[in-house]
Amino acid sequence: MPVFDLHGKRVEFTGDYAGSYDCINKGRFYEFPFLETVRGMALQGIYLDVGTNVGNHAVYFAMFCEATKVIGFEPMARWRARALDNIRANGCEHRVQVFPDGLLDRPGTLDFNPHGSVYRLDCKTLDILLPEVEGVVFVKMDIEGSEPKALLGGKEFFRRNRPVIAAEVLGSTDELAAAAETIGYRMTGRVFPSTPGSPMYELLPERSGNPVGLD
């Protein structure tokens, strides 16, 4: 079980990790430069972790950012179970909630094909799952190309909250830019420190009196 110290706190992860997450075995959060950049933004309020996977980002947000609550979304049962184990291992279970759903522009299913195996995932929309939530200040989206549809399924959510968004793009940014415009956002052109080949782009509201983003 990987255990390491960061910013004066003890961090614990359950089990072993492979591939991109092997860094956890070595005592380092996955996408650590991105996480540290988010921490430096000092946004106080609710954080969304869309594509929670094993809980790497959710645990960091809860432990090291000014998050009053973290809400995750992970439709892959195996990954969600590991995420919940990691959340509990770090005493964050009272501040982190993980929905067992993916996000799209309408309720339905999505075929997901990681490592050659096909999984049919249940999906809903942000507007359905979080119809009254307010105070969201940051949203991370890393859902393998479904980011534009997830944005479109949250038109009322984004109108109500106006958070900073960090969204992954695989390939062209055109679809993400169009979805952002539809919900009243814009791509700023800034890219968060991220995994090579999987850039995370900053999106901010079009009509924001004092937008908060990267310097």
Protein backbone atom coordinates (compact mmCIF):
# COMPACT_ATOMS: atom_id res chain seq x y z
CA MET A 1 0.00 0.00 0.00
CA PRO A 2 1.67 3.26 -1.11
CA VAL A 3 2.11 5.72 1.76
CA PHE A 4 3.83 9.09 1.46
CA ASP A 5 3.89 12.57 2.97
CA LEU A 6 2.89 15.76 1.17
CA HIS A 7 2.48 19.29 2.48
CA GLY A 8 2.64 18.01 6.05
CA LYS A 9 -0.04 15.33 5.60
CA ARG A 10 0.15 11.54 5.33
CA VAL A 11 -1.35 10.14 2.10
CA GLU A 12 -2.38 6.49 1.69
CA PHE A 13 -3.48 4.57 -1.39
CA THR A 14 -4.82 1.02 -1.30
CA GLY A 15 -3.39 -1.70 -3.53
CA ASP A 16 -0.83 -1.39 -6.32
CA TYR A 17 -0.95 0.68 -9.50
CA ALA A 18 0.18 0.16 -13.08
CA GLY A 19 0.52 2.20 -16.25
CA SER A 20 0.06 5.94 -15.86
CA TYR A 21 -0.77 5.46 -12.18
CA ASP A 22 2.52 3.69 -11.38
CA CYS A 23 3.76 7.03 -9.99
CA ILE A 24 1.50 6.40 -6.97
CA ASN A 25 3.63 3.36 -6.08
CA LYS A 26 6.58 5.74 -6.01
CA GLY A 27 4.92 8.22 -3.65
CA ARG A 28 3.57 10.76 -6.13
CA PHE A 29 0.06 11.72 -7.21
CA TYR A 30 -0.80 11.16 -10.87
CA GLU A 31 -0.75 14.48 -12.79
CA PHE A 32 0.90 16.14 -9.79
CA PRO A 33 1.88 19.37 -11.65
CA PHE A 34 -1.76 19.85 -12.70
CA LEU A 35 -2.97 19.25 -9.15
CA GLU A 36 -0.46 21.69 -7.68
CA THR A 37 -1.55 24.31 -10.21
CA VAL A 38 -5.18 23.87 -9.15
CA ARG A 39 -4.14 24.13 -5.50
CA GLY A 40 -2.37 27.40 -6.27
CA MET A 41 -5.58 28.89 -7.64
CA ALA A 42 -6.96 28.80 -4.06
CA LEU A 43 -10.58 28.39 -5.12
CA GLN A 44 -12.86 27.87 -2.12
CA GLY A 45 -16.05 25.88 -2.62
CA ILE A 46 -17.20 22.64 -4.22
CA TYR A 47 -14.94 20.79 -6.67
CA LEU A 48 -16.18 18.31 -9.31
CA ASP A 49 -14.02 15.38 -10.41
CA VAL A 50 -15.61 14.13 -13.62
CA GLY A 51 -13.89 10.86 -14.44
CA THR A 52 -12.84 9.98 -10.89
CA ASN A 53 -11.11 6.72 -11.82
CA VAL A 54 -9.20 5.47 -8.71
CA GLY A 55 -9.78 8.69 -6.77
CA ASN A 56 -6.38 10.29 -7.35
CA HIS A 57 -7.71 13.78 -8.07
CA ALA A 58 -10.65 13.59 -5.64
CA VAL A 59 -8.34 12.71 -2.74
CA TYR A 60 -5.96 15.53 -3.63
CA PHE A 61 -8.75 18.09 -3.96
CA ALA A 62 -10.19 17.08 -0.59
CA MET A 63 -6.86 17.04 1.22
CA PHE A 64 -4.89 19.90 -0.31
CA CYS A 65 -7.25 22.36 -2.01
CA GLU A 66 -9.78 24.72 -0.43
CA ALA A 67 -12.60 22.33 -1.31
CA THR A 68 -15.59 22.36 1.01
CA LYS A 69 -16.82 19.23 -0.79
CA VAL A 70 -15.73 17.07 -3.73
CA ILE A 71 -18.26 15.42 -6.03
CA GLY A 72 -16.98 12.70 -8.34
CA PHE A 73 -18.47 10.74 -11.22
CA GLU A 74 -17.20 7.25 -12.07
CA PRO A 75 -19.37 4.70 -13.92
CA MET A 76 -16.71 1.95 -14.00
CA ALA A 77 -17.57 -0.16 -10.93
CA ARG A 78 -14.04 -1.53 -10.43
CA TRP A 79 -12.44 1.90 -10.56
CA ARG A 80 -15.15 3.44 -8.39
CA ALA A 81 -14.63 0.79 -5.70
CA ARG A 82 -10.90 1.57 -5.62
CA ALA A 83 -11.66 5.29 -5.47
CA LEU A 84 -13.95 4.81 -2.48
CA ASP A 85 -11.26 2.72 -0.75
CA ASN A 86 -8.71 5.49 -1.28
CA ILE A 87 -11.12 8.16 -0.12
CA ARG A 88 -11.79 6.22 3.09
CA ALA A 89 -8.08 5.47 3.61
CA ASN A 90 -7.44 9.22 3.81
CA GLY A 91 -10.42 10.05 6.02
CA CYS A 92 -12.19 12.00 3.26
CA GLU A 93 -15.42 10.00 3.09
CA HIS A 94 -17.47 12.75 4.76
CA ARG A 95 -16.35 15.36 2.20
CA VAL A 96 -16.26 13.31 -1.00
CA GLN A 97 -19.27 11.87 -2.83
CA VAL A 98 -18.91 9.69 -5.94
CA PHE A 99 -21.84 9.13 -8.30
CA PRO A 100 -21.91 5.78 -10.16
CA ASP A 101 -22.74 7.55 -13.42
CA GLY A 102 -20.99 8.86 -16.49
CA LEU A 103 -21.96 12.25 -17.92
CA LEU A 104 -23.40 12.97 -21.37
CA ASP A 105 -25.78 15.48 -22.97
CA ARG A 106 -28.76 13.19 -22.31
CA PRO A 107 -29.46 10.08 -20.23
CA GLY A 108 -28.41 6.84 -21.87
CA THR A 109 -25.55 4.39 -22.16
CA LEU A 110 -22.04 4.63 -23.54
CA ASP A 111 -19.79 1.82 -24.74
CA PHE A 112 -16.33 2.26 -23.22
CA ASN A 113 -13.42 0.20 -24.53
CA PRO A 114 -10.37 0.35 -22.24
CA HIS A 115 -7.61 -2.18 -22.88
CA GLY A 116 -9.67 -4.21 -25.36
CA SER A 117 -12.67 -4.91 -23.13
CA VAL A 118 -16.06 -3.32 -23.81
CA TYR A 119 -18.16 -1.94 -20.96
CA ARG A 120 -21.64 -0.42 -21.31
CA LEU A 121 -21.81 2.50 -18.91
CA ASP A 122 -24.90 4.20 -17.52
CA CYS A 123 -24.85 7.95 -18.05
CA LYS A 124 -26.95 10.91 -16.97
CA THR A 125 -26.50 14.68 -17.17
CA LEU A 126 -25.19 17.24 -14.72
CA ASP A 127 -28.54 18.99 -14.78
CA ILE A 128 -30.30 15.76 -13.73
CA LEU A 129 -27.79 14.70 -11.06
CA LEU A 130 -27.09 18.13 -9.55
CA PRO A 131 -30.29 20.13 -10.16
CA GLU A 132 -29.92 22.46 -7.18
CA VAL A 133 -26.22 22.38 -6.26
CA GLU A 134 -24.62 25.81 -5.92
CA GLY A 135 -21.16 26.95 -4.89
CA VAL A 136 -19.17 24.86 -7.37
CA VAL A 137 -15.90 26.67 -8.15
CA PHE A 138 -13.86 24.11 -10.09
CA VAL A 139 -14.64 21.27 -12.50
CA LYS A 140 -12.10 18.77 -13.82
CA MET A 141 -13.24 16.69 -16.79
CA ASP A 142 -11.21 13.74 -18.05
CA ILE A 143 -13.65 11.33 -19.70
CA GLU A 144 -11.96 10.13 -22.88
CA GLY A 145 -13.59 12.38 -25.46
CA SER A 146 -17.02 12.79 -23.86
CA GLU A 147 -16.20 16.20 -22.37
CA PRO A 148 -18.21 18.24 -24.94
CA LYS A 149 -21.36 16.18 -24.36
CA ALA A 150 -20.90 16.39 -20.59
CA LEU A 151 -20.74 20.18 -20.88
CA LEU A 152 -23.92 20.29 -22.97
CA GLY A 153 -25.73 18.21 -20.36
CA GLY A 154 -25.04 20.86 -17.74
CA LYS A 155 -26.36 24.07 -19.26
CA GLU A 156 -28.35 25.05 -16.17
CA PHE A 157 -25.65 23.79 -13.83
CA PHE A 158 -22.99 25.99 -15.47
CA ARG A 159 -25.33 28.96 -15.69
CA ARG A 160 -25.95 28.69 -11.95
CA ASN A 161 -22.39 28.03 -10.78
CA ARG A 162 -19.91 29.52 -13.33
CA PRO A 163 -16.90 27.45 -12.17
CA VAL A 164 -13.45 27.31 -13.70
CA ILE A 165 -13.33 24.23 -15.95
CA ALA A 166 -10.30 22.11 -16.85
CA ALA A 167 -11.27 19.75 -19.69
CA GLU A 168 -9.15 17.17 -21.46
CA VAL A 169 -9.06 17.13 -25.25
CA LEU A 170 -8.05 14.16 -27.38
CA GLY A 171 -7.32 15.56 -30.84
CA SER A 172 -9.04 18.68 -32.19
CA THR A 173 -10.41 21.31 -29.81
CA ASP A 174 -13.24 22.30 -32.18
CA GLU A 175 -15.98 20.23 -30.52
CA LEU A 176 -15.01 21.37 -27.04
CA ALA A 177 -14.92 25.01 -28.14
CA ALA A 178 -18.39 24.72 -29.69
CA ALA A 179 -19.83 23.09 -26.57
CA ALA A 180 -18.22 25.73 -24.39
CA GLU A 181 -19.80 28.50 -26.46
CA THR A 182 -23.21 26.84 -26.19
CA ILE A 183 -23.09 26.92 -22.37
CA GLY A 184 -21.75 30.50 -22.26
CA TYR A 185 -18.06 29.65 -21.83
CA ARG A 186 -14.89 30.21 -23.81
CA MET A 187 -11.58 28.46 -24.19
CA THR A 188 -8.94 30.87 -22.87
CA GLY A 189 -6.08 29.24 -24.77
CA ARG A 190 -4.32 28.34 -21.55
CA VAL A 191 -3.33 24.73 -21.03
CA PHE A 192 -2.86 23.22 -17.58
CA PRO A 193 0.25 21.12 -16.93
CA SER A 194 -0.98 17.70 -18.03
CA THR A 195 -0.06 14.30 -19.40
CA PRO A 196 1.61 14.46 -22.86
CA GLY A 197 -0.99 13.78 -25.53
CA SER A 198 -3.88 14.58 -23.17
CA PRO A 199 -3.87 18.37 -22.70
CA MET A 200 -6.24 19.93 -20.16
CA TYR A 201 -7.69 23.22 -21.41
CA GLU A 202 -9.03 26.04 -19.26
CA LEU A 203 -12.60 27.20 -19.89
CA LEU A 204 -14.05 30.33 -18.30
CA PRO A 205 -17.47 31.99 -18.44
CA GLU A 206 -17.98 34.45 -21.31
CA ARG A 207 -19.65 37.04 -19.08
CA SER A 208 -17.72 36.99 -15.82
CA GLY A 209 -17.05 40.16 -13.95
CA ASN A 210 -13.75 38.94 -12.57
CA PRO A 211 -12.82 35.51 -13.97
CA VAL A 212 -10.42 33.46 -11.92
CA GLY A 213 -7.99 31.29 -13.85
CA LEU A 214 -4.33 30.69 -14.38
CA ASP A 215 -1.98 33.65 -14.25
